[in-house]
């Protein structure tokens, strides 16, 4: 499976003005993406990705919001735009 295949499941989060704000991935897709990066010839790719400032915190924050039910489904956002 390629990164392109994995990212086909990405969901855009947009604001009321139609501006892109974030991208969401299913947890299984995220884990598959990490596994894919670990398998690359460049062994430090995953570490570099995880070293991106704020990435781990953003993932944790997103996970907490999801667990608390604080999210909007794509279908609802689409109806609002």
Protein backbone atom coordinates (compact mmCIF):
# COMPACT_ATOMS: atom_id res chain seq x y z
CA UNK A 1 0.00 0.00 0.00
CA UNK A 2 1.32 3.44 -0.89
CA UNK A 3 1.03 6.72 0.99
CA UNK A 4 -1.38 7.90 -1.70
CA UNK A 5 -3.58 4.88 -0.99
CA UNK A 6 -3.52 5.61 2.73
CA UNK A 7 -4.31 9.28 2.29
CA UNK A 8 -7.38 8.55 0.17
CA UNK A 9 -9.15 8.16 3.55
CA UNK A 10 -8.11 11.61 4.81
CA UNK A 11 -10.94 13.97 5.72
CA UNK A 12 -10.63 17.73 5.47
CA UNK A 13 -11.93 19.91 8.27
CA UNK A 14 -13.13 23.29 7.02
CA UNK A 15 -14.44 26.33 8.82
CA UNK A 16 -17.66 28.25 8.13
CA UNK A 17 -15.85 30.34 5.50
CA UNK A 18 -14.81 27.20 3.62
CA UNK A 19 -11.14 27.47 4.62
CA UNK A 20 -9.18 24.27 5.24
CA UNK A 21 -8.34 23.94 8.93
CA UNK A 22 -7.15 20.39 9.52
CA UNK A 23 -6.99 16.87 8.17
CA UNK A 24 -8.31 13.85 10.00
CA UNK A 25 -7.21 10.26 9.55
CA UNK A 26 -8.76 7.13 11.00
CA UNK A 27 -6.48 5.74 13.70
CA UNK A 28 -5.89 2.59 11.65
CA UNK A 29 -4.79 4.73 8.69
CA UNK A 30 -2.43 6.69 10.95
CA UNK A 31 -0.89 3.46 12.22
CA UNK A 32 -0.55 2.17 8.67
CA UNK A 33 1.12 5.42 7.63
CA UNK A 34 3.61 5.13 10.49
CA UNK A 35 4.31 1.49 9.57
CA UNK A 36 4.84 2.51 5.95
CA UNK A 37 7.29 5.22 6.97
CA UNK A 38 9.18 2.79 9.19
CA UNK A 39 9.59 0.48 6.21
CA UNK A 40 11.17 3.15 4.01
CA UNK A 41 14.85 2.91 3.14
CA UNK A 42 15.43 5.99 5.28
CA UNK A 43 15.07 4.62 8.83
CA UNK A 44 14.75 8.05 10.43
CA UNK A 45 11.66 9.07 8.43
CA UNK A 46 9.21 8.23 11.24
CA UNK A 47 11.32 9.95 13.85
CA UNK A 48 11.57 13.04 11.66
CA UNK A 49 7.81 13.07 11.15
CA UNK A 50 7.15 12.68 14.87
CA UNK A 51 9.71 15.41 15.60
CA UNK A 52 7.58 17.93 13.71
CA UNK A 53 6.86 20.68 16.27
CA UNK A 54 3.41 20.27 17.78
CA UNK A 55 2.50 17.10 15.83
CA UNK A 56 2.36 14.71 18.77
CA UNK A 57 0.45 17.24 20.87
CA UNK A 58 -2.02 17.83 18.03
CA UNK A 59 -2.58 14.09 17.67
CA UNK A 60 -3.16 13.71 21.41
CA UNK A 61 -5.53 16.68 21.44
CA UNK A 62 -7.45 15.29 18.48
CA UNK A 63 -7.70 11.88 20.14
CA UNK A 64 -9.08 13.48 23.32
CA UNK A 65 -11.66 15.54 21.40
CA UNK A 66 -12.75 12.43 19.51
CA UNK A 67 -13.09 10.41 22.73
CA UNK A 68 -15.14 13.22 24.28
CA UNK A 69 -17.42 13.36 21.24
CA UNK A 70 -16.27 16.89 20.39
CA UNK A 71 -16.20 16.67 16.62
CA UNK A 72 -18.39 17.40 13.63
CA UNK A 73 -19.06 14.79 11.00
CA UNK A 74 -18.12 15.65 7.41
CA UNK A 75 -21.74 15.29 6.31
CA UNK A 76 -22.79 17.96 8.83
CA UNK A 77 -20.02 20.33 7.72
CA UNK A 78 -21.01 19.80 4.11
CA UNK A 79 -24.61 20.76 4.90
CA UNK A 80 -23.43 23.96 6.61
CA UNK A 81 -21.36 25.21 3.69
